[in-house]
Amino acid sequence: MILYTERLILRPWEESDAESLYEYAKNPEVGPIAGWPVHTSVENSREIIRDVLSAEETYAVCLREDNKAIGSVGLMIGEHSNLNLPEEEGEIGYWIGVPFWGRGLIPEAVQELIRHGFEDLKLKRLWCGYFDGNIKSRRVQEKCGFVYHHTNKDIYWKLMDDIRTEHITCLEPDSNRK
């Protein structure tokens, strides 16, 4: 499935996106604060496309002007979520390369995923999370109408082999969204 917004194309990841993925995912300002390690090579990025980003409902965030992958947004439904959700609920995750920060692109992508989740997939509730210190991610969730739900303190995060505090937000289908 391909989703469109005013400025973006949200499409499935392709192995040919590996160089673009590596270009943005090698930056230590991106992955670690979102909960995943810095990519170490184009081949590492290609493996992540095959093993992680090829999951259903995971999309490359691309500018309409060139269709080049600059970030990712995904909807993990039910047991595929990090939050042990029921099958009629989903968790949204996202990131974007540093050169694209502050342009409102991820909120635009997340709003389309919210629409898709509620209207097309008929999900009953959407969830999001951000780690302590990830102010940009918190702001995306606020802009998209997510409301604070709870905090998980001192959780072990396997991908980074560390202990973190995660703040969880929630969105109902009938809440007032932009």
N, C-alpha and C. Protein backbone atom coordinates (compact mmCIF):
# COMPACT_ATOMS: atom_id res chain seq x y z
N MET A 1 0.84 -1.19 0.00
CA MET A 1 0.00 0.00 0.00
C MET A 1 0.88 1.25 0.00
N ILE A 2 0.45 2.23 -0.70
CA ILE A 2 1.14 3.52 -0.73
C ILE A 2 0.15 4.58 -0.26
N LEU A 3 0.61 5.44 0.66
CA LEU A 3 -0.21 6.52 1.19
C LEU A 3 0.41 7.85 0.76
N TYR A 4 -0.44 8.85 0.57
CA TYR A 4 0.03 10.15 0.10
C TYR A 4 -0.44 11.25 1.04
N THR A 5 0.41 12.25 1.23
CA THR A 5 0.03 13.46 1.93
C THR A 5 0.37 14.63 0.99
N GLU A 6 0.17 15.82 1.46
CA GLU A 6 0.46 16.99 0.63
C GLU A 6 1.90 16.99 0.13
N ARG A 7 2.86 16.67 1.02
CA ARG A 7 4.28 16.74 0.65
C ARG A 7 4.98 15.40 0.59
N LEU A 8 4.31 14.33 1.02
CA LEU A 8 4.99 13.05 1.21
C LEU A 8 4.35 11.89 0.47
N ILE A 9 5.19 10.89 0.23
CA ILE A 9 4.76 9.56 -0.19
C ILE A 9 5.20 8.62 0.93
N LEU A 10 4.27 7.82 1.42
CA LEU A 10 4.59 6.78 2.40
C LEU A 10 4.43 5.46 1.66
N ARG A 11 5.55 4.78 1.46
CA ARG A 11 5.55 3.57 0.64
C ARG A 11 6.38 2.48 1.30
N PRO A 12 6.19 1.23 0.88
CA PRO A 12 7.01 0.16 1.45
C PRO A 12 8.50 0.40 1.19
N TRP A 13 9.32 -0.03 2.14
CA TRP A 13 10.77 0.05 1.97
C TRP A 13 11.21 -0.94 0.90
N GLU A 14 12.24 -0.58 0.16
CA GLU A 14 12.84 -1.45 -0.85
C GLU A 14 14.33 -1.56 -0.56
N GLU A 15 14.93 -2.68 -0.92
CA GLU A 15 16.38 -2.84 -0.68
C GLU A 15 17.18 -1.74 -1.36
N SER A 16 16.65 -1.20 -2.45
CA SER A 16 17.35 -0.12 -3.14
C SER A 16 17.38 1.18 -2.32
N ASP A 17 16.65 1.24 -1.20
CA ASP A 17 16.67 2.39 -0.30
C ASP A 17 17.84 2.34 0.69
N ALA A 18 18.66 1.29 0.63
CA ALA A 18 19.70 1.08 1.65
C ALA A 18 20.67 2.26 1.76
N GLU A 19 21.11 2.82 0.65
CA GLU A 19 22.07 3.95 0.72
C GLU A 19 21.43 5.17 1.38
N SER A 20 20.20 5.46 1.01
CA SER A 20 19.50 6.59 1.62
C SER A 20 19.26 6.34 3.11
N LEU A 21 18.85 5.14 3.46
CA LEU A 21 18.64 4.80 4.86
C LEU A 21 19.93 4.98 5.65
N TYR A 22 21.01 4.46 5.13
CA TYR A 22 22.30 4.58 5.83
C TYR A 22 22.70 6.05 5.99
N GLU A 23 22.47 6.85 4.97
CA GLU A 23 22.82 8.27 5.01
C GLU A 23 22.24 8.96 6.25
N TYR A 24 21.00 8.61 6.61
CA TYR A 24 20.34 9.26 7.75
C TYR A 24 20.45 8.46 9.04
N ALA A 25 20.48 7.13 8.94
CA ALA A 25 20.49 6.29 10.14
C ALA A 25 21.88 6.11 10.75
N LYS A 26 22.92 6.58 10.08
CA LYS A 26 24.27 6.51 10.66
C LYS A 26 24.50 7.66 11.64
N ASN A 27 23.64 8.66 11.63
CA ASN A 27 23.79 9.82 12.50
C ASN A 27 23.39 9.45 13.93
N PRO A 28 24.28 9.62 14.92
CA PRO A 28 23.97 9.23 16.30
C PRO A 28 22.87 10.07 16.96
N GLU A 29 22.45 11.16 16.30
CA GLU A 29 21.34 11.95 16.85
C GLU A 29 19.98 11.32 16.55
N VAL A 30 19.94 10.32 15.68
CA VAL A 30 18.66 9.78 15.23
C VAL A 30 18.26 8.49 15.97
N GLY A 31 18.98 7.41 15.75
CA GLY A 31 18.56 6.11 16.27
C GLY A 31 18.56 5.94 17.77
N PRO A 32 19.68 6.23 18.44
CA PRO A 32 19.74 5.93 19.88
C PRO A 32 18.62 6.57 20.71
N ILE A 33 18.25 7.80 20.42
CA ILE A 33 17.18 8.43 21.20
C ILE A 33 15.82 7.81 20.89
N ALA A 34 15.71 7.20 19.69
CA ALA A 34 14.48 6.51 19.30
C ALA A 34 14.49 5.04 19.71
N GLY A 35 15.63 4.55 20.19
CA GLY A 35 15.68 3.18 20.71
C GLY A 35 16.32 2.16 19.81
N TRP A 36 17.08 2.60 18.81
CA TRP A 36 17.77 1.63 17.95
C TRP A 36 19.19 2.12 17.66
N PRO A 37 20.11 1.17 17.43
CA PRO A 37 21.52 1.53 17.22
C PRO A 37 21.78 2.23 15.89
N VAL A 38 22.84 3.02 15.89
CA VAL A 38 23.33 3.68 14.69
C VAL A 38 23.65 2.61 13.64
N HIS A 39 23.30 2.87 12.40
CA HIS A 39 23.63 1.92 11.32
C HIS A 39 25.13 2.06 11.01
N THR A 40 25.75 0.92 10.72
CA THR A 40 27.20 0.89 10.58
C THR A 40 27.69 0.83 9.13
N SER A 41 26.80 0.52 8.19
CA SER A 41 27.19 0.43 6.78
C SER A 41 25.93 0.36 5.92
N VAL A 42 26.11 0.51 4.62
CA VAL A 42 24.99 0.37 3.69
C VAL A 42 24.44 -1.05 3.79
N GLU A 43 25.33 -2.04 3.92
CA GLU A 43 24.87 -3.43 4.03
C GLU A 43 24.08 -3.64 5.31
N ASN A 44 24.50 -3.03 6.42
CA ASN A 44 23.74 -3.09 7.68
C ASN A 44 22.34 -2.52 7.45
N SER A 45 22.24 -1.38 6.76
CA SER A 45 20.94 -0.78 6.46
C SER A 45 20.10 -1.70 5.57
N ARG A 46 20.75 -2.35 4.60
CA ARG A 46 20.03 -3.28 3.72
C ARG A 46 19.45 -4.44 4.54
N GLU A 47 20.22 -4.96 5.48
CA GLU A 47 19.74 -6.05 6.36
C GLU A 47 18.54 -5.58 7.19
N ILE A 48 18.59 -4.34 7.68
CA ILE A 48 17.50 -3.80 8.49
C ILE A 48 16.25 -3.62 7.63
N ILE A 49 16.42 -3.23 6.39
CA ILE A 49 15.27 -3.15 5.48
C ILE A 49 14.64 -4.54 5.34
N ARG A 50 15.48 -5.56 5.12
CA ARG A 50 14.96 -6.93 4.95
C ARG A 50 14.32 -7.48 6.22
N ASP A 51 14.98 -7.24 7.38
CA ASP A 51 14.57 -7.91 8.62
C ASP A 51 13.59 -7.12 9.48
N VAL A 52 13.58 -5.79 9.36
CA VAL A 52 12.76 -4.96 10.24
C VAL A 52 11.78 -4.09 9.45
N LEU A 53 12.29 -3.32 8.53
CA LEU A 53 11.46 -2.33 7.84
C LEU A 53 10.55 -2.93 6.77
N SER A 54 10.72 -4.20 6.49
CA SER A 54 9.83 -4.86 5.52
C SER A 54 8.54 -5.33 6.19
N ALA A 55 8.38 -5.06 7.48
CA ALA A 55 7.17 -5.46 8.20
C ALA A 55 5.94 -4.79 7.61
N GLU A 56 4.82 -5.47 7.70
CA GLU A 56 3.56 -4.91 7.24
C GLU A 56 3.27 -3.59 7.95
N GLU A 57 2.72 -2.65 7.24
CA GLU A 57 2.35 -1.32 7.78
C GLU A 57 3.57 -0.48 8.19
N THR A 58 4.75 -0.78 7.63
CA THR A 58 5.94 0.04 7.85
C THR A 58 6.27 0.72 6.53
N TYR A 59 6.45 2.03 6.60
CA TYR A 59 6.57 2.83 5.38
C TYR A 59 7.83 3.69 5.38
N ALA A 60 8.46 3.78 4.21
CA ALA A 60 9.51 4.77 4.00
C ALA A 60 8.82 6.11 3.84
N VAL A 61 9.32 7.13 4.53
CA VAL A 61 8.82 8.49 4.38
C VAL A 61 9.64 9.14 3.28
N CYS A 62 8.99 9.54 2.20
CA CYS A 62 9.68 10.08 1.03
C CYS A 62 9.04 11.41 0.64
N LEU A 63 9.89 12.34 0.21
CA LEU A 63 9.37 13.59 -0.33
C LEU A 63 8.73 13.29 -1.69
N ARG A 64 7.61 13.92 -1.99
CA ARG A 64 6.95 13.72 -3.28
C ARG A 64 7.86 14.09 -4.44
N GLU A 65 8.72 15.09 -4.22
CA GLU A 65 9.53 15.61 -5.32
C GLU A 65 10.54 14.61 -5.86
N ASP A 66 11.03 13.67 -5.01
CA ASP A 66 12.04 12.73 -5.52
C ASP A 66 11.85 11.28 -5.06
N ASN A 67 10.86 11.01 -4.21
CA ASN A 67 10.55 9.65 -3.74
C ASN A 67 11.73 8.99 -3.02
N LYS A 68 12.67 9.79 -2.49
CA LYS A 68 13.82 9.26 -1.77
C LYS A 68 13.48 9.09 -0.29
N ALA A 69 13.82 7.94 0.27
CA ALA A 69 13.53 7.66 1.68
C ALA A 69 14.36 8.57 2.59
N ILE A 70 13.65 9.31 3.46
CA ILE A 70 14.32 10.23 4.39
C ILE A 70 13.97 9.92 5.85
N GLY A 71 13.11 8.94 6.04
CA GLY A 71 12.69 8.56 7.39
C GLY A 71 11.76 7.37 7.29
N SER A 72 11.13 7.06 8.43
CA SER A 72 10.25 5.90 8.47
C SER A 72 9.10 6.16 9.42
N VAL A 73 7.97 5.57 9.11
CA VAL A 73 6.81 5.62 9.99
C VAL A 73 6.14 4.26 9.89
N GLY A 74 5.67 3.76 11.02
CA GLY A 74 5.07 2.44 11.00
C GLY A 74 3.98 2.29 12.02
N LEU A 75 3.12 1.33 11.75
CA LEU A 75 2.01 1.00 12.62
C LEU A 75 2.16 -0.46 13.01
N MET A 76 2.42 -0.71 14.29
CA MET A 76 2.57 -2.07 14.78
C MET A 76 1.28 -2.44 15.50
N ILE A 77 0.59 -3.42 14.95
CA ILE A 77 -0.74 -3.76 15.43
C ILE A 77 -0.69 -4.97 16.36
N GLY A 78 -1.44 -4.88 17.47
CA GLY A 78 -1.59 -5.99 18.40
C GLY A 78 -0.28 -6.51 18.92
N GLU A 79 -0.06 -7.79 18.78
CA GLU A 79 1.13 -8.45 19.33
C GLU A 79 2.43 -7.98 18.69
N HIS A 80 2.36 -7.30 17.55
CA HIS A 80 3.56 -6.79 16.89
C HIS A 80 4.07 -5.51 17.55
N SER A 81 3.27 -4.95 18.43
CA SER A 81 3.63 -3.73 19.14
C SER A 81 4.60 -4.03 20.28
N ASN A 82 5.26 -2.98 20.76
CA ASN A 82 6.12 -3.11 21.95
C ASN A 82 5.30 -3.04 23.23
N LEU A 83 4.00 -2.78 23.11
CA LEU A 83 3.16 -2.52 24.28
C LEU A 83 2.17 -3.63 24.61
N ASN A 84 2.29 -4.79 23.96
CA ASN A 84 1.37 -5.91 24.21
C ASN A 84 -0.08 -5.49 24.06
N LEU A 85 -0.41 -4.96 22.90
CA LEU A 85 -1.75 -4.44 22.65
C LEU A 85 -2.71 -5.52 22.15
N PRO A 86 -4.02 -5.30 22.36
CA PRO A 86 -4.99 -6.18 21.72
C PRO A 86 -4.97 -5.99 20.20
N GLU A 87 -5.50 -6.93 19.46
CA GLU A 87 -5.42 -6.92 17.99
C GLU A 87 -6.14 -5.74 17.34
N GLU A 88 -7.03 -5.07 18.06
CA GLU A 88 -7.75 -3.93 17.47
C GLU A 88 -7.11 -2.59 17.82
N GLU A 89 -5.88 -2.63 18.35
CA GLU A 89 -5.15 -1.41 18.69
C GLU A 89 -3.76 -1.45 18.05
N GLY A 90 -3.17 -0.26 17.84
CA GLY A 90 -1.86 -0.20 17.20
C GLY A 90 -0.97 0.85 17.84
N GLU A 91 0.33 0.67 17.61
CA GLU A 91 1.35 1.60 18.11
C GLU A 91 2.06 2.22 16.91
N ILE A 92 2.21 3.53 16.92
CA ILE A 92 2.89 4.23 15.83
C ILE A 92 4.32 4.55 16.26
N GLY A 93 5.25 4.28 15.37
CA GLY A 93 6.66 4.64 15.57
C GLY A 93 7.14 5.42 14.36
N TYR A 94 8.16 6.25 14.55
CA TYR A 94 8.62 7.11 13.47
C TYR A 94 10.00 7.66 13.76
N TRP A 95 10.67 8.10 12.70
CA TRP A 95 11.91 8.88 12.78
C TRP A 95 12.12 9.54 11.42
N ILE A 96 12.96 10.56 11.41
CA ILE A 96 13.30 11.24 10.16
C ILE A 96 14.74 11.73 10.24
N GLY A 97 15.40 11.80 9.10
CA GLY A 97 16.79 12.26 9.05
C GLY A 97 16.93 13.70 9.53
N VAL A 98 18.08 13.99 10.16
CA VAL A 98 18.34 15.32 10.74
C VAL A 98 18.12 16.48 9.77
N PRO A 99 18.53 16.38 8.49
CA PRO A 99 18.33 17.53 7.61
C PRO A 99 16.85 17.93 7.44
N PHE A 100 15.94 17.05 7.84
CA PHE A 100 14.51 17.29 7.64
C PHE A 100 13.79 17.65 8.93
N TRP A 101 14.53 17.77 10.03
CA TRP A 101 13.93 18.13 11.30
C TRP A 101 13.35 19.54 11.22
N GLY A 102 12.27 19.76 11.96
CA GLY A 102 11.69 21.09 12.10
C GLY A 102 10.85 21.55 10.92
N ARG A 103 10.53 20.66 10.00
CA ARG A 103 9.74 21.04 8.82
C ARG A 103 8.31 20.51 8.88
N GLY A 104 7.96 19.83 9.98
CA GLY A 104 6.60 19.31 10.13
C GLY A 104 6.31 18.08 9.28
N LEU A 105 7.35 17.42 8.77
CA LEU A 105 7.14 16.27 7.90
C LEU A 105 6.67 15.04 8.66
N ILE A 106 7.26 14.78 9.83
CA ILE A 106 6.83 13.60 10.59
C ILE A 106 5.42 13.78 11.14
N PRO A 107 5.05 14.94 11.69
CA PRO A 107 3.64 15.08 12.07
C PRO A 107 2.69 14.85 10.88
N GLU A 108 3.09 15.31 9.70
CA GLU A 108 2.27 15.09 8.50
C GLU A 108 2.14 13.60 8.19
N ALA A 109 3.25 12.87 8.29
CA ALA A 109 3.23 11.42 8.06
C ALA A 109 2.41 10.70 9.13
N VAL A 110 2.59 11.09 10.38
CA VAL A 110 1.87 10.45 11.48
C VAL A 110 0.37 10.71 11.34
N GLN A 111 -0.03 11.92 10.96
CA GLN A 111 -1.46 12.22 10.77
C GLN A 111 -2.06 11.29 9.71
N GLU A 112 -1.32 11.02 8.65
CA GLU A 112 -1.83 10.11 7.62
C GLU A 112 -1.91 8.68 8.15
N LEU A 113 -0.96 8.27 8.97
CA LEU A 113 -1.01 6.93 9.55
C LEU A 113 -2.18 6.82 10.54
N ILE A 114 -2.46 7.90 11.26
CA ILE A 114 -3.62 7.93 12.16
C ILE A 114 -4.90 7.75 11.33
N ARG A 115 -5.01 8.51 10.26
CA ARG A 115 -6.19 8.38 9.38
C ARG A 115 -6.32 6.95 8.87
N HIS A 116 -5.22 6.42 8.38
CA HIS A 116 -5.20 5.06 7.85
C HIS A 116 -5.59 4.04 8.93
N GLY A 117 -5.04 4.20 10.12
CA GLY A 117 -5.32 3.27 11.21
C GLY A 117 -6.79 3.26 11.62
N PHE A 118 -7.37 4.43 11.76
CA PHE A 118 -8.76 4.52 12.19
C PHE A 118 -9.75 4.28 11.05
N GLU A 119 -9.52 4.88 9.89
CA GLU A 119 -10.50 4.79 8.80
C GLU A 119 -10.37 3.51 7.98
N ASP A 120 -9.16 3.16 7.57
CA ASP A 120 -8.97 2.00 6.70
C ASP A 120 -8.89 0.69 7.49
N LEU A 121 -8.15 0.70 8.60
CA LEU A 121 -7.93 -0.52 9.37
C LEU A 121 -8.93 -0.70 10.51
N LYS A 122 -9.73 0.36 10.79
CA LYS A 122 -10.78 0.31 11.81
C LYS A 122 -10.24 -0.01 13.20
N LEU A 123 -9.04 0.51 13.52
CA LEU A 123 -8.48 0.30 14.85
C LEU A 123 -9.26 1.11 15.88
N LYS A 124 -9.30 0.60 17.10
CA LYS A 124 -10.08 1.24 18.16
C LYS A 124 -9.28 2.25 18.97
N ARG A 125 -7.96 2.13 18.95
CA ARG A 125 -7.11 3.04 19.74
C ARG A 125 -5.69 2.98 19.16
N LEU A 126 -5.01 4.13 19.20
CA LEU A 126 -3.61 4.18 18.77
C LEU A 126 -2.75 4.66 19.93
N TRP A 127 -1.55 4.13 19.98
CA TRP A 127 -0.60 4.44 21.04
C TRP A 127 0.71 4.93 20.44
N CYS A 128 1.46 5.66 21.24
CA CYS A 128 2.79 6.12 20.86
C CYS A 128 3.63 6.17 22.13
N GLY A 129 4.93 6.15 21.97
CA GLY A 129 5.81 6.29 23.12
C GLY A 129 7.03 7.10 22.76
N TYR A 130 7.65 7.68 23.78
CA TYR A 130 8.92 8.37 23.58
C TYR A 130 9.75 8.19 24.84
N PHE A 131 11.06 8.13 24.65
CA PHE A 131 11.97 7.96 25.77
C PHE A 131 12.31 9.30 26.40
N ASP A 132 12.63 9.25 27.70
CA ASP A 132 13.06 10.46 28.41
C ASP A 132 14.08 11.21 27.56
N GLY A 133 13.91 12.50 27.44
CA GLY A 133 14.86 13.33 26.70
C GLY A 133 14.54 13.52 25.24
N ASN A 134 13.61 12.75 24.69
CA ASN A 134 13.29 12.87 23.28
C ASN A 134 12.14 13.88 23.11
N ILE A 135 12.49 15.15 23.28
CA ILE A 135 11.52 16.24 23.24
C ILE A 135 10.86 16.33 21.86
N LYS A 136 11.62 16.12 20.80
CA LYS A 136 11.07 16.22 19.44
C LYS A 136 9.96 15.19 19.22
N SER A 137 10.19 13.98 19.71
CA SER A 137 9.18 12.94 19.56
C SER A 137 7.94 13.26 20.39
N ARG A 138 8.15 13.78 21.58
CA ARG A 138 7.02 14.19 22.42
C ARG A 138 6.18 15.25 21.70
N ARG A 139 6.85 16.21 21.07
CA ARG A 139 6.15 17.29 20.36
C ARG A 139 5.33 16.75 19.17
N VAL A 140 5.87 15.78 18.46
CA VAL A 140 5.12 15.16 17.36
C VAL A 140 3.82 14.59 17.90
N GLN A 141 3.91 13.88 19.00
CA GLN A 141 2.73 13.24 19.57
C GLN A 141 1.71 14.29 20.04
N GLU A 142 2.19 15.35 20.65
CA GLU A 142 1.28 16.43 21.09
C GLU A 142 0.59 17.07 19.88
N LYS A 143 1.37 17.37 18.83
CA LYS A 143 0.81 18.00 17.63
C LYS A 143 -0.24 17.12 16.97
N CYS A 144 -0.08 15.80 17.10
CA CYS A 144 -0.99 14.86 16.45
C CYS A 144 -2.17 14.46 17.34
N GLY A 145 -2.27 15.05 18.53
CA GLY A 145 -3.42 14.82 19.39
C GLY A 145 -3.29 13.71 20.40
N PHE A 146 -2.13 13.05 20.47
CA PHE A 146 -1.94 12.01 21.48
C PHE A 146 -1.91 12.63 22.87
N VAL A 147 -2.46 11.92 23.84
CA VAL A 147 -2.56 12.40 25.21
C VAL A 147 -1.78 11.46 26.12
N TYR A 148 -1.05 12.04 27.07
CA TYR A 148 -0.26 11.24 28.01
C TYR A 148 -1.15 10.20 28.69
N HIS A 149 -0.63 8.97 28.79
CA HIS A 149 -1.36 7.88 29.43
C HIS A 149 -0.63 7.35 30.66
N HIS A 150 0.66 7.00 30.50
CA HIS A 150 1.42 6.49 31.65
C HIS A 150 2.91 6.48 31.32
N THR A 151 3.72 6.20 32.34
CA THR A 151 5.18 6.13 32.19
C THR A 151 5.65 4.76 32.66
N ASN A 152 6.53 4.15 31.86
CA ASN A 152 7.19 2.91 32.25
C ASN A 152 8.62 3.26 32.64
N LYS A 153 8.92 3.16 33.93
CA LYS A 153 10.26 3.53 34.42
C LYS A 153 11.17 2.31 34.44
N ASP A 154 12.43 2.57 34.20
CA ASP A 154 13.48 1.56 34.33
C ASP A 154 13.17 0.27 33.57
N ILE A 155 12.81 0.40 32.30
CA ILE A 155 12.58 -0.78 31.47
C ILE A 155 13.86 -1.14 30.73
N TYR A 156 14.08 -2.43 30.57
CA TYR A 156 15.23 -2.89 29.81
C TYR A 156 14.88 -2.78 28.33
N TRP A 157 15.72 -2.09 27.56
CA TRP A 157 15.50 -1.93 26.12
C TRP A 157 16.55 -2.76 25.39
N LYS A 158 16.10 -3.91 24.88
CA LYS A 158 17.00 -4.91 24.30
C LYS A 158 17.84 -4.37 23.14
N LEU A 159 17.23 -3.61 22.21
CA LEU A 159 17.96 -3.11 21.04
C LEU A 159 19.19 -2.28 21.41
N MET A 160 19.10 -1.57 22.52
CA MET A 160 20.21 -0.71 22.94
C MET A 160 20.94 -1.28 24.16
N ASP A 161 20.45 -2.40 24.70
CA ASP A 161 21.04 -3.04 25.88
C ASP A 161 21.23 -2.02 27.00
N ASP A 162 20.14 -1.29 27.31
CA ASP A 162 20.21 -0.32 28.39
C ASP A 162 18.86 -0.23 29.12
N ILE A 163 18.84 0.60 30.13
CA ILE A 163 17.64 0.82 30.94
C ILE A 163 17.11 2.21 30.60
N ARG A 164 15.80 2.31 30.36
CA ARG A 164 15.19 3.56 29.93
C ARG A 164 13.87 3.82 30.65
N THR A 165 13.44 5.08 30.55
CA THR A 165 12.09 5.45 30.97
C THR A 165 11.34 5.85 29.72
N GLU A 166 10.16 5.23 29.53
CA GLU A 166 9.36 5.50 28.34
C GLU A 166 8.01 6.09 28.75
N HIS A 167 7.63 7.15 28.07
CA HIS A 167 6.35 7.81 28.32
C HIS A 167 5.40 7.37 27.20
N ILE A 168 4.21 6.91 27.59
CA ILE A 168 3.25 6.35 26.65
C ILE A 168 2.07 7.32 26.49
N THR A 169 1.69 7.56 25.23
CA THR A 169 0.55 8.41 24.92
C THR A 169 -0.48 7.61 24.14
N CYS A 170 -1.70 8.13 24.10
CA CYS A 170 -2.80 7.39 23.50
C CYS A 170 -3.69 8.34 22.70
N LEU A 171 -4.37 7.78 21.70
CA LEU A 171 -5.29 8.55 20.87
C LEU A 171 -6.52 7.69 20.59
N GLU A 172 -7.68 8.25 20.84
CA GLU A 172 -8.96 7.59 20.55
C GLU A 172 -9.45 8.07 19.18
N PRO A 173 -10.23 7.26 18.46
CA PRO A 173 -10.67 7.66 17.12
C PRO A 173 -11.55 8.90 17.10
N ASP A 174 -12.27 9.19 18.17
CA ASP A 174 -13.17 10.32 18.16
C ASP A 174 -12.59 11.58 18.81
N SER A 175 -11.29 11.52 19.17
CA SER A 175 -10.68 12.71 19.80
C SER A 175 -10.51 13.81 18.75
N ASN A 176 -10.39 15.02 19.22
CA ASN A 176 -10.27 16.18 18.32
C ASN A 176 -8.87 16.25 17.75
N ARG A 177 -8.73 15.82 16.49
CA ARG A 177 -7.44 15.88 15.81
C ARG A 177 -7.49 16.97 14.77
N LYS A 178 -6.31 17.47 14.42
CA LYS A 178 -6.22 18.49 13.36
C LYS A 178 -6.44 17.85 12.01
